[in-house]
Amino acid sequence: MNDRERIGNKIKEIRIQKGISTYQLAELTGLNQPNIVRIEKGKYSTGIDIISKIVNSLGCQIDIIDRKE
């Protein structure tokens, strides 16, 4: 699994835990719902500003953490 897929999976996991649909997340962020799905699947390369908008809408923040060895 590459980093884009790993980040997308984490976004999806948090979204589901919070009971938010991809349509609702799209509405909260102003992004298109198909792009939300592509980001969650790791199929869409996106910048930090969009990722930040998504995680902020989920009530989270972006942190840099050490990789597990």
N, C-alpha and C. Protein backbone atom coordinates (compact mmCIF):
# COMPACT_ATOMS: atom_id res chain seq x y z
N MET A 1 0.86 -1.17 0.00
CA MET A 1 0.00 0.00 0.00
C MET A 1 0.90 1.24 0.00
N ASN A 2 0.64 2.14 -0.94
CA ASN A 2 1.44 3.36 -0.99
C ASN A 2 0.87 4.42 -0.05
N ASP A 3 1.58 5.52 0.10
CA ASP A 3 1.16 6.57 1.04
C ASP A 3 -0.19 7.17 0.66
N ARG A 4 -0.43 7.36 -0.63
CA ARG A 4 -1.71 7.93 -1.05
C ARG A 4 -2.87 7.02 -0.65
N GLU A 5 -2.71 5.71 -0.82
CA GLU A 5 -3.74 4.75 -0.42
C GLU A 5 -3.90 4.72 1.10
N ARG A 6 -2.79 4.77 1.81
CA ARG A 6 -2.84 4.74 3.27
C ARG A 6 -3.57 5.96 3.82
N ILE A 7 -3.28 7.13 3.30
CA ILE A 7 -3.94 8.36 3.74
C ILE A 7 -5.42 8.32 3.37
N GLY A 8 -5.72 7.88 2.15
CA GLY A 8 -7.11 7.76 1.73
C GLY A 8 -7.91 6.81 2.61
N ASN A 9 -7.30 5.69 2.95
CA ASN A 9 -7.95 4.72 3.83
C ASN A 9 -8.24 5.32 5.20
N LYS A 10 -7.30 6.10 5.70
CA LYS A 10 -7.47 6.73 7.02
C LYS A 10 -8.61 7.76 6.97
N ILE A 11 -8.66 8.53 5.91
CA ILE A 11 -9.76 9.49 5.75
C ILE A 11 -11.09 8.75 5.73
N LYS A 12 -11.17 7.69 4.97
CA LYS A 12 -12.42 6.91 4.88
C LYS A 12 -12.79 6.33 6.23
N GLU A 13 -11.82 5.78 6.95
CA GLU A 13 -12.05 5.19 8.27
C GLU A 13 -12.64 6.24 9.23
N ILE A 14 -12.06 7.41 9.26
CA ILE A 14 -12.54 8.48 10.15
C ILE A 14 -13.94 8.93 9.73
N ARG A 15 -14.13 9.09 8.42
CA ARG A 15 -15.44 9.52 7.91
C ARG A 15 -16.53 8.54 8.32
N ILE A 16 -16.27 7.26 8.17
CA ILE A 16 -17.25 6.23 8.53
C ILE A 16 -17.49 6.22 10.04
N GLN A 17 -16.43 6.34 10.85
CA GLN A 17 -16.58 6.38 12.31
C GLN A 17 -17.47 7.53 12.74
N LYS A 18 -17.41 8.64 12.01
CA LYS A 18 -18.20 9.82 12.35
C LYS A 18 -19.59 9.79 11.73
N GLY A 19 -19.89 8.74 10.95
CA GLY A 19 -21.21 8.59 10.35
C GLY A 19 -21.49 9.60 9.24
N ILE A 20 -20.44 9.99 8.53
CA ILE A 20 -20.59 10.97 7.45
C ILE A 20 -20.48 10.25 6.11
N SER A 21 -21.41 10.52 5.22
CA SER A 21 -21.35 9.92 3.88
C SER A 21 -20.38 10.71 3.01
N THR A 22 -19.99 10.13 1.89
CA THR A 22 -19.12 10.85 0.96
C THR A 22 -19.85 12.08 0.41
N TYR A 23 -21.15 11.99 0.25
CA TYR A 23 -21.94 13.14 -0.22
C TYR A 23 -21.91 14.27 0.82
N GLN A 24 -22.06 13.91 2.08
CA GLN A 24 -22.01 14.92 3.14
C GLN A 24 -20.62 15.55 3.25
N LEU A 25 -19.58 14.73 3.12
CA LEU A 25 -18.22 15.25 3.18
C LEU A 25 -17.96 16.19 2.00
N ALA A 26 -18.47 15.84 0.84
CA ALA A 26 -18.33 16.71 -0.32
C ALA A 26 -19.00 18.06 -0.06
N GLU A 27 -20.16 18.02 0.55
CA GLU A 27 -20.88 19.25 0.86
C GLU A 27 -20.11 20.09 1.89
N LEU A 28 -19.55 19.44 2.89
CA LEU A 28 -18.80 20.14 3.93
C LEU A 28 -17.52 20.79 3.39
N THR A 29 -16.91 20.15 2.40
CA THR A 29 -15.62 20.61 1.89
C THR A 29 -15.73 21.45 0.63
N GLY A 30 -16.85 21.35 -0.06
CA GLY A 30 -16.99 22.05 -1.33
C GLY A 30 -16.34 21.29 -2.48
N LEU A 31 -15.96 20.04 -2.23
CA LEU A 31 -15.35 19.20 -3.27
C LEU A 31 -16.43 18.35 -3.93
N ASN A 32 -16.12 17.80 -5.09
CA ASN A 32 -17.05 16.90 -5.76
C ASN A 32 -17.01 15.53 -5.08
N GLN A 33 -18.17 14.90 -4.91
CA GLN A 33 -18.25 13.60 -4.26
C GLN A 33 -17.39 12.55 -4.97
N PRO A 34 -17.38 12.50 -6.33
CA PRO A 34 -16.50 11.50 -6.97
C PRO A 34 -15.02 11.70 -6.62
N ASN A 35 -14.61 12.95 -6.43
CA ASN A 35 -13.22 13.19 -6.04
C ASN A 35 -12.94 12.71 -4.62
N ILE A 36 -13.91 12.85 -3.74
CA ILE A 36 -13.77 12.32 -2.37
C ILE A 36 -13.53 10.81 -2.44
N VAL A 37 -14.32 10.12 -3.24
CA VAL A 37 -14.18 8.67 -3.39
C VAL A 37 -12.80 8.32 -3.95
N ARG A 38 -12.35 9.03 -4.96
CA ARG A 38 -11.04 8.76 -5.55
C ARG A 38 -9.90 9.01 -4.54
N ILE A 39 -10.04 10.06 -3.76
CA ILE A 39 -9.03 10.35 -2.73
C ILE A 39 -8.99 9.20 -1.72
N GLU A 40 -10.17 8.76 -1.26
CA GLU A 40 -10.22 7.67 -0.28
C GLU A 40 -9.65 6.37 -0.84
N LYS A 41 -9.76 6.16 -2.14
CA LYS A 41 -9.22 4.94 -2.76
C LYS A 41 -7.75 5.07 -3.13
N GLY A 42 -7.18 6.27 -2.94
CA GLY A 42 -5.79 6.48 -3.30
C GLY A 42 -5.58 6.60 -4.79
N LYS A 43 -6.63 6.92 -5.53
CA LYS A 43 -6.59 7.00 -6.99
C LYS A 43 -6.48 8.43 -7.49
N TYR A 44 -6.38 9.40 -6.60
CA TYR A 44 -6.40 10.80 -6.98
C TYR A 44 -5.30 11.53 -6.23
N SER A 45 -4.36 12.08 -6.97
CA SER A 45 -3.29 12.84 -6.36
C SER A 45 -3.79 14.23 -6.03
N THR A 46 -3.65 14.63 -4.81
CA THR A 46 -4.16 15.92 -4.38
C THR A 46 -3.16 16.63 -3.48
N GLY A 47 -3.30 17.91 -3.37
CA GLY A 47 -2.37 18.71 -2.57
C GLY A 47 -2.76 18.77 -1.10
N ILE A 48 -1.87 19.34 -0.34
CA ILE A 48 -2.05 19.44 1.11
C ILE A 48 -3.25 20.31 1.46
N ASP A 49 -3.56 21.33 0.66
CA ASP A 49 -4.69 22.21 0.96
C ASP A 49 -6.01 21.44 0.93
N ILE A 50 -6.16 20.56 -0.04
CA ILE A 50 -7.41 19.78 -0.14
C ILE A 50 -7.46 18.75 0.99
N ILE A 51 -6.35 18.08 1.25
CA ILE A 51 -6.32 17.11 2.36
C ILE A 51 -6.63 17.82 3.67
N SER A 52 -6.07 18.99 3.86
CA SER A 52 -6.34 19.76 5.07
C SER A 52 -7.82 20.13 5.18
N LYS A 53 -8.43 20.53 4.09
CA LYS A 53 -9.85 20.86 4.08
C LYS A 53 -10.70 19.65 4.48
N ILE A 54 -10.33 18.48 3.96
CA ILE A 54 -11.06 17.25 4.28
C ILE A 54 -10.92 16.91 5.76
N VAL A 55 -9.68 16.86 6.27
CA VAL A 55 -9.50 16.45 7.66
C VAL A 55 -10.08 17.48 8.63
N ASN A 56 -10.00 18.76 8.29
CA ASN A 56 -10.62 19.77 9.14
C ASN A 56 -12.13 19.58 9.19
N SER A 57 -12.73 19.23 8.05
CA SER A 57 -14.18 18.98 8.01
C SER A 57 -14.57 17.76 8.84
N LEU A 58 -13.61 16.86 9.03
CA LEU A 58 -13.84 15.67 9.85
C LEU A 58 -13.50 15.92 11.32
N GLY A 59 -13.10 17.14 11.64
CA GLY A 59 -12.77 17.47 13.03
C GLY A 59 -11.40 16.97 13.44
N CYS A 60 -10.51 16.79 12.48
CA CYS A 60 -9.17 16.29 12.75
C CYS A 60 -8.14 17.31 12.28
N GLN A 61 -6.89 16.97 12.50
CA GLN A 61 -5.80 17.80 11.97
C GLN A 61 -4.73 16.89 11.41
N ILE A 62 -3.89 17.46 10.57
CA ILE A 62 -2.79 16.70 9.98
C ILE A 62 -1.59 16.80 10.91
N ASP A 63 -1.03 15.66 11.26
CA ASP A 63 0.18 15.61 12.07
C ASP A 63 1.21 14.77 11.34
N ILE A 64 2.46 15.07 11.58
CA ILE A 64 3.53 14.25 11.04
C ILE A 64 4.00 13.35 12.17
N ILE A 65 3.95 12.06 11.90
CA ILE A 65 4.35 11.09 12.92
C ILE A 65 5.40 10.15 12.34
N ASP A 66 6.20 9.59 13.19
CA ASP A 66 7.23 8.65 12.75
C ASP A 66 6.58 7.37 12.24
N ARG A 67 7.21 6.81 11.24
CA ARG A 67 6.76 5.51 10.72
C ARG A 67 7.11 4.42 11.71
N LYS A 68 6.25 3.43 11.74
CA LYS A 68 6.56 2.26 12.57
C LYS A 68 7.55 1.40 11.79
N GLU A 69 8.56 0.98 12.46
CA GLU A 69 9.61 0.19 11.78
C GLU A 69 9.26 -1.27 11.84
